Protein backbone atom coordinates (compact mmCIF):
# COMPACT_ATOMS: atom_id res chain seq x y z
CA MET A 1 -16.56 -8.02 2.25
CA LEU A 2 -17.04 -9.12 5.83
CA ILE A 3 -15.83 -6.03 7.64
CA GLU A 4 -17.42 -2.70 8.35
CA GLY A 5 -15.80 -0.06 6.17
CA TYR A 6 -14.48 3.32 7.15
CA PRO A 7 -16.74 6.39 7.00
CA PRO A 8 -16.87 8.02 3.53
CA GLU A 9 -14.80 11.04 4.61
CA VAL A 10 -12.01 8.77 5.89
CA GLU A 11 -12.13 6.72 2.69
CA ALA A 12 -11.76 9.92 0.64
CA ARG A 13 -8.68 10.95 2.65
CA MET A 14 -7.19 7.47 2.32
CA LYS A 15 -7.64 7.53 -1.46
CA ALA A 16 -6.09 11.00 -1.71
CA LEU A 17 -3.09 9.93 0.37
CA TYR A 18 -2.67 6.71 -1.62
CA GLU A 19 -2.64 8.64 -4.91
CA SER A 20 0.05 11.01 -3.59
CA LEU A 21 2.51 8.23 -2.71
CA ASN A 22 5.24 6.63 -4.83
CA GLU A 23 4.73 3.01 -5.89
CA LYS A 24 6.70 1.47 -3.00
CA ASP A 25 4.87 3.53 -0.40
CA ARG A 26 1.51 2.72 -2.05
CA ARG A 27 2.19 -0.99 -1.69
CA ARG A 28 3.18 -0.64 1.94
CA TYR A 29 0.32 1.71 2.82
CA ALA A 30 -2.25 -0.63 1.26
CA ALA A 31 -0.64 -3.59 3.04
CA ILE A 32 -0.60 -2.01 6.49
CA GLU A 33 -4.22 -0.87 6.16
CA ALA A 34 -5.35 -4.34 5.06
CA ASP A 35 -3.29 -5.97 7.80
CA LYS A 36 -4.78 -3.89 10.59
CA LEU A 37 -8.33 -4.64 9.39
CA GLY A 38 -7.86 -8.39 9.62
CA HIS A 39 -10.23 -10.83 7.90
CA GLY A 40 -11.76 -9.20 4.84
CA GLY A 41 -9.33 -6.29 4.98
CA GLN A 42 -7.48 -7.19 1.79
CA THR A 43 -10.64 -7.25 -0.30
CA TYR A 44 -11.87 -4.00 1.23
CA ILE A 45 -8.57 -2.15 0.67
CA VAL A 46 -8.13 -3.48 -2.89
CA GLU A 47 -11.63 -2.23 -3.76
CA LEU A 48 -11.24 1.06 -1.89
CA LEU A 49 -7.84 2.03 -3.28
CA GLY A 50 -8.22 0.39 -6.68
CA CYS A 51 -4.98 -1.54 -6.37
CA ASP A 52 -4.28 -5.09 -7.48
CA TYR A 53 -4.12 -8.04 -5.09
CA LYS A 54 -0.55 -8.69 -6.32
CA THR A 55 0.39 -5.16 -5.29
CA LEU A 56 -1.09 -5.69 -1.84
CA ARG A 57 0.58 -9.07 -1.37
CA ARG A 58 3.93 -7.63 -2.45
CA GLY A 59 3.47 -4.85 0.11
CA LEU A 60 2.73 -7.39 2.84
CA ASP A 61 5.86 -9.33 1.87
CA GLU A 62 7.94 -6.12 1.94
CA LEU A 63 6.65 -5.33 5.44
CA ASP A 64 7.66 -8.81 6.61
CA HIS A 65 10.97 -8.80 4.70
CA PRO A 66 12.08 -5.21 4.00
CA PRO A 67 14.47 -4.80 1.07
CA ASP A 68 18.05 -4.03 2.01
CA LEU A 69 18.38 -0.47 0.69
CA PRO A 70 20.65 2.34 1.83
CA PRO A 71 18.87 5.13 3.74
CA GLY A 72 17.13 7.59 1.43
CA ARG A 73 16.87 5.14 -1.49
CA ILE A 74 13.55 3.78 -2.76
CA ARG A 75 15.08 1.52 -5.39
CA LYS A 76 18.17 -0.59 -5.66
CA LYS A 77 21.22 1.09 -7.19
CA GLY A 78 21.21 0.88 -10.97
CA GLY A 79 17.44 1.07 -11.33
CA PRO A 80 15.73 3.70 -13.45
CA PRO A 81 15.72 7.23 -12.05
CA VAL A 82 12.65 8.40 -10.14
CA LEU A 83 10.99 11.35 -11.86
CA SER A 84 8.93 13.73 -9.77
């Protein structure tokens, strides 16, 4: 890791927020955090949040190329229902 990490209290809040999100929002949150940190950010965020590099890369791709979904939908029509 080549970057200076966030203070422990910020890391704790980031982890709590990450755990409260649905899978799509987790990917995008991890991606935006890694993106704003620049070089070394992906490794730091993967280790901090405990997500997979594939998850992070998919989130980055979704930020660059958002899926075409109707407003209020988190999955394409016909996918499995989201259980709360």
